[in-house]
Amino acid sequence: MRSIRSVLFMTAAIVLSLAALVFTASLALALAGIAAAIAIGSAIAARLGPRPRPAHTRAASAGREREIRIWNDGRGTIIDL
């Protein structure tokens, strides 16, 4: 700290460091907000998606034969004989 120039350089370095810190923190906060919005949207979309619905054969619904259960779980059709 022998001259005024070193004091000014030190002050400028501190200001630049603080500016970089604020910029990095705001960028991290923005990315966290975007990730949270995507996660919430994904959860809502999964909740509103189609649910598996059971389907029955006509003979089983008429009560003539043993009931055969058929349903689609979203990954494929399942036939329970």
N, C-alpha and C. Protein backbone atom coordinates (compact mmCIF):
# COMPACT_ATOMS: atom_id res chain seq x y z
N MET A 1 0.83 -1.18 0.00
CA MET A 1 0.00 0.00 0.00
C MET A 1 0.89 1.26 0.00
N ARG A 2 1.79 1.29 -0.91
CA ARG A 2 2.73 2.41 -0.94
C ARG A 2 2.17 3.59 -1.71
N SER A 3 1.24 3.30 -2.59
CA SER A 3 0.74 4.44 -3.39
C SER A 3 -0.77 4.36 -3.52
N ILE A 4 -1.32 5.39 -4.03
CA ILE A 4 -2.77 5.47 -4.23
C ILE A 4 -3.20 4.51 -5.33
N ARG A 5 -2.27 4.22 -6.26
CA ARG A 5 -2.58 3.31 -7.35
C ARG A 5 -2.87 1.90 -6.82
N SER A 6 -2.10 1.43 -5.88
CA SER A 6 -2.33 0.09 -5.33
C SER A 6 -3.66 0.04 -4.57
N VAL A 7 -4.04 1.12 -3.92
CA VAL A 7 -5.34 1.18 -3.23
C VAL A 7 -6.47 1.12 -4.26
N LEU A 8 -6.32 1.83 -5.37
CA LEU A 8 -7.35 1.80 -6.40
C LEU A 8 -7.46 0.43 -7.06
N PHE A 9 -6.31 -0.21 -7.32
CA PHE A 9 -6.33 -1.56 -7.91
C PHE A 9 -6.98 -2.56 -6.95
N MET A 10 -6.67 -2.44 -5.67
CA MET A 10 -7.27 -3.34 -4.69
C MET A 10 -8.78 -3.11 -4.61
N THR A 11 -9.21 -1.88 -4.63
CA THR A 11 -10.64 -1.57 -4.60
C THR A 11 -11.33 -2.09 -5.86
N ALA A 12 -10.70 -1.93 -7.00
CA ALA A 12 -11.27 -2.43 -8.26
C ALA A 12 -11.35 -3.96 -8.23
N ALA A 13 -10.35 -4.63 -7.69
CA ALA A 13 -10.38 -6.09 -7.61
C ALA A 13 -11.49 -6.56 -6.68
N ILE A 14 -11.69 -5.89 -5.58
CA ILE A 14 -12.78 -6.24 -4.66
C ILE A 14 -14.14 -6.04 -5.32
N VAL A 15 -14.29 -4.94 -6.03
CA VAL A 15 -15.56 -4.65 -6.71
C VAL A 15 -15.83 -5.69 -7.79
N LEU A 16 -14.80 -6.05 -8.58
CA LEU A 16 -14.98 -7.07 -9.61
C LEU A 16 -15.30 -8.43 -9.00
N SER A 17 -14.66 -8.76 -7.90
CA SER A 17 -14.94 -10.03 -7.23
C SER A 17 -16.37 -10.09 -6.71
N LEU A 18 -16.84 -9.01 -6.12
CA LEU A 18 -18.22 -8.96 -5.64
C LEU A 18 -19.22 -9.02 -6.79
N ALA A 19 -18.90 -8.36 -7.90
CA ALA A 19 -19.78 -8.40 -9.07
C ALA A 19 -19.85 -9.83 -9.63
N ALA A 20 -18.72 -10.51 -9.68
CA ALA A 20 -18.71 -11.89 -10.15
C ALA A 20 -19.50 -12.79 -9.21
N LEU A 21 -19.39 -12.57 -7.91
CA LEU A 21 -20.14 -13.34 -6.92
C LEU A 21 -21.64 -13.14 -7.08
N VAL A 22 -22.06 -11.89 -7.25
CA VAL A 22 -23.49 -11.60 -7.43
C VAL A 22 -24.00 -12.21 -8.73
N PHE A 23 -23.23 -12.12 -9.80
CA PHE A 23 -23.64 -12.69 -11.08
C PHE A 23 -23.77 -14.21 -10.98
N THR A 24 -22.80 -14.85 -10.36
CA THR A 24 -22.84 -16.31 -10.21
C THR A 24 -24.01 -16.75 -9.36
N ALA A 25 -24.27 -16.04 -8.28
CA ALA A 25 -25.39 -16.39 -7.40
C ALA A 25 -26.73 -16.21 -8.12
N SER A 26 -26.86 -15.15 -8.88
CA SER A 26 -28.12 -14.93 -9.60
C SER A 26 -28.32 -15.97 -10.70
N LEU A 27 -27.23 -16.36 -11.37
CA LEU A 27 -27.33 -17.39 -12.39
C LEU A 27 -27.71 -18.73 -11.78
N ALA A 28 -27.13 -19.07 -10.63
CA ALA A 28 -27.48 -20.32 -9.95
C ALA A 28 -28.93 -20.30 -9.50
N LEU A 29 -29.40 -19.19 -9.01
CA LEU A 29 -30.79 -19.07 -8.58
C LEU A 29 -31.75 -19.20 -9.76
N ALA A 30 -31.39 -18.62 -10.89
CA ALA A 30 -32.23 -18.73 -12.09
C ALA A 30 -32.29 -20.18 -12.58
N LEU A 31 -31.16 -20.86 -12.60
CA LEU A 31 -31.15 -22.27 -13.02
C LEU A 31 -31.94 -23.15 -12.06
N ALA A 32 -31.85 -22.88 -10.77
CA ALA A 32 -32.64 -23.64 -9.79
C ALA A 32 -34.13 -23.39 -10.00
N GLY A 33 -34.51 -22.17 -10.31
CA GLY A 33 -35.92 -21.87 -10.58
C GLY A 33 -36.43 -22.57 -11.83
N ILE A 34 -35.62 -22.61 -12.87
CA ILE A 34 -36.01 -23.30 -14.10
C ILE A 34 -36.15 -24.80 -13.85
N ALA A 35 -35.21 -25.38 -13.10
CA ALA A 35 -35.29 -26.80 -12.78
C ALA A 35 -36.52 -27.12 -11.94
N ALA A 36 -36.85 -26.24 -11.00
CA ALA A 36 -38.04 -26.45 -10.17
C ALA A 36 -39.31 -26.36 -11.01
N ALA A 37 -39.36 -25.41 -11.93
CA ALA A 37 -40.54 -25.28 -12.79
C ALA A 37 -40.72 -26.51 -13.68
N ILE A 38 -39.62 -27.04 -14.20
CA ILE A 38 -39.70 -28.25 -15.04
C ILE A 38 -40.15 -29.44 -14.20
N ALA A 39 -39.63 -29.56 -12.98
CA ALA A 39 -40.02 -30.68 -12.10
C ALA A 39 -41.49 -30.60 -11.73
N ILE A 40 -41.98 -29.42 -11.41
CA ILE A 40 -43.39 -29.25 -11.06
C ILE A 40 -44.27 -29.54 -12.27
N GLY A 41 -43.88 -29.05 -13.43
CA GLY A 41 -44.65 -29.33 -14.65
C GLY A 41 -44.69 -30.81 -14.98
N SER A 42 -43.58 -31.49 -14.78
CA SER A 42 -43.53 -32.93 -15.03
C SER A 42 -44.44 -33.68 -14.05
N ALA A 43 -44.44 -33.28 -12.80
CA ALA A 43 -45.29 -33.93 -11.81
C ALA A 43 -46.77 -33.71 -12.12
N ILE A 44 -47.12 -32.52 -12.54
CA ILE A 44 -48.52 -32.24 -12.88
C ILE A 44 -48.92 -33.02 -14.13
N ALA A 45 -48.05 -33.10 -15.11
CA ALA A 45 -48.36 -33.83 -16.34
C ALA A 45 -48.52 -35.32 -16.06
N ALA A 46 -47.69 -35.87 -15.17
CA ALA A 46 -47.82 -37.29 -14.83
C ALA A 46 -49.11 -37.56 -14.08
N ARG A 47 -49.52 -36.61 -13.27
CA ARG A 47 -50.76 -36.78 -12.51
C ARG A 47 -52.00 -36.71 -13.41
N LEU A 48 -51.93 -35.91 -14.46
CA LEU A 48 -53.08 -35.75 -15.35
C LEU A 48 -53.10 -36.76 -16.49
N GLY A 49 -52.11 -37.65 -16.52
CA GLY A 49 -52.02 -38.64 -17.59
C GLY A 49 -53.11 -39.69 -17.50
N PRO A 50 -53.25 -40.49 -18.55
CA PRO A 50 -54.29 -41.51 -18.55
C PRO A 50 -53.99 -42.62 -17.55
N ARG A 51 -55.03 -43.10 -16.90
CA ARG A 51 -54.90 -44.19 -15.95
C ARG A 51 -55.33 -45.50 -16.62
N PRO A 52 -54.78 -46.62 -16.20
CA PRO A 52 -55.21 -47.90 -16.77
C PRO A 52 -56.68 -48.17 -16.44
N ARG A 53 -57.42 -48.61 -17.42
CA ARG A 53 -58.84 -48.91 -17.22
C ARG A 53 -59.08 -50.37 -17.56
N PRO A 54 -59.78 -51.07 -16.70
CA PRO A 54 -60.04 -52.49 -16.99
C PRO A 54 -61.02 -52.66 -18.14
N ALA A 55 -60.79 -53.68 -18.95
CA ALA A 55 -61.70 -54.02 -20.03
C ALA A 55 -62.14 -55.47 -19.83
N HIS A 56 -63.37 -55.76 -20.15
CA HIS A 56 -63.91 -57.11 -19.96
C HIS A 56 -64.44 -57.62 -21.29
N THR A 57 -64.39 -58.93 -21.42
CA THR A 57 -64.95 -59.53 -22.63
C THR A 57 -66.47 -59.51 -22.54
N ARG A 58 -67.12 -59.62 -23.66
CA ARG A 58 -68.60 -59.58 -23.67
C ARG A 58 -69.21 -60.77 -22.94
N ALA A 59 -68.60 -61.94 -23.09
CA ALA A 59 -69.14 -63.14 -22.44
C ALA A 59 -69.05 -63.00 -20.93
N ALA A 60 -67.96 -62.43 -20.44
CA ALA A 60 -67.82 -62.28 -19.00
C ALA A 60 -68.78 -61.25 -18.45
N SER A 61 -69.05 -60.21 -19.22
CA SER A 61 -69.98 -59.19 -18.73
C SER A 61 -71.41 -59.71 -18.75
N ALA A 62 -71.70 -60.69 -19.59
CA ALA A 62 -73.04 -61.28 -19.61
C ALA A 62 -73.19 -62.35 -18.55
N GLY A 63 -72.10 -62.78 -17.92
CA GLY A 63 -72.15 -63.75 -16.85
C GLY A 63 -72.17 -65.19 -17.32
N ARG A 64 -71.84 -65.44 -18.58
CA ARG A 64 -71.90 -66.80 -19.12
C ARG A 64 -70.64 -67.61 -18.83
N GLU A 65 -69.50 -66.97 -18.81
CA GLU A 65 -68.24 -67.70 -18.65
C GLU A 65 -67.43 -67.09 -17.51
N ARG A 66 -66.30 -67.74 -17.27
CA ARG A 66 -65.36 -67.20 -16.30
C ARG A 66 -64.83 -65.86 -16.83
N GLU A 67 -64.65 -64.94 -15.93
CA GLU A 67 -64.24 -63.59 -16.33
C GLU A 67 -62.77 -63.57 -16.75
N ILE A 68 -62.51 -63.02 -17.91
CA ILE A 68 -61.15 -62.83 -18.40
C ILE A 68 -60.87 -61.34 -18.29
N ARG A 69 -59.83 -61.02 -17.53
CA ARG A 69 -59.52 -59.60 -17.34
C ARG A 69 -58.44 -59.17 -18.33
N ILE A 70 -58.70 -58.05 -19.00
CA ILE A 70 -57.76 -57.49 -19.97
C ILE A 70 -57.60 -56.02 -19.63
N TRP A 71 -56.38 -55.55 -19.50
CA TRP A 71 -56.18 -54.13 -19.27
C TRP A 71 -54.84 -53.70 -19.83
N ASN A 72 -54.72 -52.40 -19.99
CA ASN A 72 -53.50 -51.81 -20.52
C ASN A 72 -52.90 -50.96 -19.42
N ASP A 73 -51.69 -51.28 -18.98
CA ASP A 73 -51.07 -50.54 -17.90
C ASP A 73 -50.17 -49.40 -18.42
N GLY A 74 -50.23 -49.11 -19.68
CA GLY A 74 -49.41 -48.05 -20.25
C GLY A 74 -48.13 -48.56 -20.86
N ARG A 75 -47.74 -49.80 -20.53
CA ARG A 75 -46.53 -50.39 -21.09
C ARG A 75 -46.87 -51.57 -21.99
N GLY A 76 -48.12 -51.96 -22.00
CA GLY A 76 -48.52 -53.09 -22.83
C GLY A 76 -49.86 -53.65 -22.33
N THR A 77 -50.50 -54.44 -23.16
CA THR A 77 -51.77 -55.03 -22.79
C THR A 77 -51.54 -56.29 -21.97
N ILE A 78 -52.28 -56.42 -20.88
CA ILE A 78 -52.17 -57.57 -19.99
C ILE A 78 -53.47 -58.34 -20.07
N ILE A 79 -53.37 -59.65 -20.33
CA ILE A 79 -54.54 -60.52 -20.43
C ILE A 79 -54.42 -61.54 -19.31
N ASP A 80 -55.37 -61.51 -18.38
CA ASP A 80 -55.38 -62.42 -17.26
C ASP A 80 -56.43 -63.49 -17.54
N LEU A 81 -55.99 -64.70 -17.83
CA LEU A 81 -56.92 -65.78 -18.17
C LEU A 81 -57.39 -66.50 -16.95
